[in-house]
């Protein structure tokens, strides 16, 4: 399955990454590539756990972009 992940640079260096569709599924890495590889592994472990519990895999989230202005 394909899941949306978000990557954010940390102020102290490195990157954190999480998967909004899989509550609590997050990781980190020194580089974006490392963070993405780590979240792939975290997602696989999450899905194995869900499957072991006999549950269907969670669906990905829907992404919407909104505009907001400060007055």
N, C-alpha and C. Protein backbone atom coordinates (compact mmCIF):
# COMPACT_ATOMS: atom_id res chain seq x y z
N UNK A 1 0.84 -1.19 0.00
CA UNK A 1 0.00 0.00 0.00
C UNK A 1 0.88 1.24 0.00
N UNK A 2 0.31 2.31 -0.45
CA UNK A 2 1.02 3.59 -0.49
C UNK A 2 0.42 4.48 0.60
N UNK A 3 1.29 5.10 1.40
CA UNK A 3 0.85 6.00 2.47
C UNK A 3 1.54 7.35 2.34
N UNK A 4 0.81 8.38 2.68
CA UNK A 4 1.36 9.73 2.73
C UNK A 4 2.19 9.87 3.99
N UNK A 5 3.39 10.44 3.86
CA UNK A 5 4.21 10.74 5.03
C UNK A 5 4.61 12.22 4.98
N UNK A 6 4.84 12.78 6.12
CA UNK A 6 5.27 14.17 6.24
C UNK A 6 6.67 14.19 6.82
N UNK A 7 7.53 15.01 6.23
CA UNK A 7 8.92 15.13 6.68
C UNK A 7 9.14 16.57 7.10
N UNK A 8 9.77 16.74 8.25
CA UNK A 8 10.02 18.09 8.76
C UNK A 8 11.46 18.16 9.28
N UNK A 9 12.17 19.19 8.88
CA UNK A 9 13.54 19.40 9.37
C UNK A 9 13.48 19.81 10.84
N UNK A 10 14.38 19.25 11.64
CA UNK A 10 14.49 19.59 13.05
C UNK A 10 15.47 20.75 13.21
N UNK A 11 15.20 21.65 14.16
CA UNK A 11 16.09 22.79 14.38
C UNK A 11 17.51 22.36 14.74
N UNK A 12 17.63 21.28 15.50
CA UNK A 12 18.94 20.81 15.95
C UNK A 12 19.63 19.90 14.93
N UNK A 13 19.00 19.70 13.78
CA UNK A 13 19.55 18.84 12.74
C UNK A 13 18.74 17.57 12.60
N UNK A 14 18.83 16.98 11.44
CA UNK A 14 18.08 15.76 11.17
C UNK A 14 16.65 16.07 10.76
N UNK A 15 15.88 15.01 10.58
CA UNK A 15 14.51 15.12 10.10
C UNK A 15 13.61 14.19 10.89
N UNK A 16 12.40 14.65 11.14
CA UNK A 16 11.39 13.77 11.71
C UNK A 16 10.37 13.50 10.63
N UNK A 17 9.75 12.34 10.70
CA UNK A 17 8.80 11.93 9.67
C UNK A 17 7.69 11.14 10.33
N UNK A 18 6.46 11.33 9.84
CA UNK A 18 5.33 10.59 10.40
C UNK A 18 4.30 10.33 9.33
N UNK A 19 3.45 9.34 9.62
CA UNK A 19 2.40 8.93 8.69
C UNK A 19 1.05 9.26 9.32
N UNK A 20 0.36 10.30 8.84
CA UNK A 20 -0.90 10.72 9.46
C UNK A 20 -1.98 9.63 9.49
N UNK A 21 -1.99 8.73 8.52
CA UNK A 21 -3.02 7.69 8.49
C UNK A 21 -2.81 6.62 9.54
N UNK A 22 -1.58 6.50 10.04
CA UNK A 22 -1.24 5.47 11.00
C UNK A 22 -0.86 6.13 12.32
N UNK A 23 -1.85 6.35 13.13
CA UNK A 23 -1.66 7.09 14.39
C UNK A 23 -0.51 6.50 15.21
N UNK A 24 0.44 7.36 15.55
CA UNK A 24 1.59 6.95 16.35
C UNK A 24 2.75 6.39 15.55
N UNK A 25 2.62 6.34 14.23
CA UNK A 25 3.68 5.80 13.39
C UNK A 25 4.58 6.94 12.95
N UNK A 26 5.76 7.01 13.56
CA UNK A 26 6.69 8.10 13.26
C UNK A 26 8.11 7.59 13.39
N UNK A 27 9.04 8.35 12.84
CA UNK A 27 10.45 7.99 12.91
C UNK A 27 11.27 9.25 12.70
N UNK A 28 12.58 9.07 12.49
CA UNK A 28 13.48 10.20 12.28
C UNK A 28 14.71 9.69 11.55
N UNK A 29 15.56 10.61 11.13
CA UNK A 29 16.82 10.26 10.49
C UNK A 29 17.70 11.48 10.37
N UNK A 30 18.97 11.24 10.18
CA UNK A 30 19.93 12.34 10.02
C UNK A 30 19.74 13.05 8.68
N UNK A 31 19.31 12.31 7.66
CA UNK A 31 19.03 12.87 6.34
C UNK A 31 17.59 12.55 5.97
N UNK A 32 17.07 13.24 4.96
CA UNK A 32 15.71 12.93 4.51
C UNK A 32 15.63 11.48 4.01
N UNK A 33 16.65 11.05 3.28
CA UNK A 33 16.65 9.68 2.77
C UNK A 33 16.61 8.67 3.92
N UNK A 34 17.39 8.92 4.95
CA UNK A 34 17.39 8.01 6.10
C UNK A 34 16.04 8.03 6.81
N UNK A 35 15.47 9.22 6.97
CA UNK A 35 14.17 9.33 7.62
C UNK A 35 13.10 8.58 6.82
N UNK A 36 13.14 8.69 5.50
CA UNK A 36 12.16 7.99 4.67
C UNK A 36 12.34 6.48 4.74
N UNK A 37 13.57 6.01 4.76
CA UNK A 37 13.81 4.57 4.90
C UNK A 37 13.31 4.09 6.26
N UNK A 38 13.55 4.87 7.30
CA UNK A 38 13.11 4.49 8.64
C UNK A 38 11.59 4.45 8.75
N UNK A 39 10.89 5.39 8.08
CA UNK A 39 9.43 5.37 8.17
C UNK A 39 8.87 4.21 7.36
N UNK A 40 9.54 3.81 6.27
CA UNK A 40 9.11 2.62 5.53
C UNK A 40 9.12 1.40 6.45
N UNK A 41 10.19 1.27 7.21
CA UNK A 41 10.30 0.15 8.15
C UNK A 41 9.25 0.25 9.24
N UNK A 42 9.00 1.47 9.75
CA UNK A 42 7.99 1.67 10.79
C UNK A 42 6.59 1.34 10.27
N UNK A 43 6.30 1.75 9.04
CA UNK A 43 4.99 1.45 8.44
C UNK A 43 4.82 -0.05 8.27
N UNK A 44 5.85 -0.73 7.79
CA UNK A 44 5.77 -2.18 7.62
C UNK A 44 5.50 -2.87 8.96
N UNK A 45 6.18 -2.44 10.01
CA UNK A 45 5.97 -3.03 11.34
C UNK A 45 4.55 -2.74 11.83
N UNK A 46 4.07 -1.54 11.59
CA UNK A 46 2.72 -1.15 11.98
C UNK A 46 1.70 -2.05 11.28
N UNK A 47 1.87 -2.22 9.97
CA UNK A 47 0.92 -3.03 9.19
C UNK A 47 0.98 -4.50 9.59
N UNK A 48 2.16 -5.00 9.93
CA UNK A 48 2.27 -6.38 10.42
C UNK A 48 1.49 -6.55 11.71
N UNK A 49 1.56 -5.55 12.59
CA UNK A 49 0.83 -5.59 13.85
C UNK A 49 -0.68 -5.57 13.62
N UNK A 50 -1.13 -4.73 12.71
CA UNK A 50 -2.56 -4.64 12.38
C UNK A 50 -3.04 -5.98 11.81
N UNK A 51 -2.23 -6.54 10.92
CA UNK A 51 -2.59 -7.82 10.30
C UNK A 51 -2.64 -8.93 11.36
N UNK A 52 -1.69 -8.93 12.28
CA UNK A 52 -1.68 -9.95 13.34
C UNK A 52 -2.92 -9.85 14.22
N UNK A 53 -3.47 -8.64 14.35
CA UNK A 53 -4.69 -8.44 15.13
C UNK A 53 -5.94 -8.76 14.32
N UNK A 54 -5.77 -9.15 13.04
CA UNK A 54 -6.91 -9.50 12.20
C UNK A 54 -7.70 -8.32 11.69
N UNK A 55 -7.07 -7.15 11.67
CA UNK A 55 -7.75 -5.93 11.22
C UNK A 55 -7.33 -5.58 9.80
N UNK A 56 -8.18 -4.86 9.06
CA UNK A 56 -7.79 -4.43 7.72
C UNK A 56 -6.78 -3.29 7.83
N UNK A 57 -5.93 -3.14 6.83
CA UNK A 57 -4.97 -2.03 6.86
C UNK A 57 -5.71 -0.70 6.77
N UNK A 58 -5.26 0.30 7.53
CA UNK A 58 -5.90 1.62 7.46
C UNK A 58 -5.73 2.24 6.08
N UNK A 59 -6.72 2.99 5.66
CA UNK A 59 -6.65 3.71 4.40
C UNK A 59 -5.82 4.97 4.57
N UNK A 60 -5.24 5.44 3.48
CA UNK A 60 -4.48 6.68 3.51
C UNK A 60 -5.43 7.84 3.79
N UNK A 61 -4.87 8.95 4.15
CA UNK A 61 -5.66 10.14 4.45
C UNK A 61 -5.90 10.94 3.17
N UNK A 62 -6.88 11.79 3.20
CA UNK A 62 -7.13 12.71 2.10
C UNK A 62 -6.47 14.04 2.43
N UNK A 63 -5.75 14.59 1.49
CA UNK A 63 -5.04 15.84 1.71
C UNK A 63 -5.78 16.96 1.00
N UNK A 64 -6.02 18.03 1.73
CA UNK A 64 -6.63 19.24 1.19
C UNK A 64 -5.72 20.41 1.53
N UNK A 65 -5.63 21.35 0.64
CA UNK A 65 -4.85 22.57 0.89
C UNK A 65 -5.84 23.70 1.09
N UNK A 66 -5.65 24.47 2.12
CA UNK A 66 -6.51 25.62 2.38
C UNK A 66 -5.66 26.88 2.47
N UNK A 67 -6.27 27.99 2.18
CA UNK A 67 -5.59 29.28 2.30
C UNK A 67 -6.13 29.99 3.52
N UNK A 68 -5.26 30.67 4.23
CA UNK A 68 -5.67 31.45 5.38
C UNK A 68 -4.85 32.74 5.39
N UNK A 69 -5.47 33.78 5.84
CA UNK A 69 -4.80 35.07 5.90
C UNK A 69 -4.90 35.63 7.32
N UNK A 70 -3.89 36.36 7.69
CA UNK A 70 -3.89 37.05 8.98
C UNK A 70 -4.38 38.47 8.71
N UNK A 71 -5.34 38.91 9.52
CA UNK A 71 -5.86 40.27 9.28
C UNK A 71 -5.27 41.25 10.25
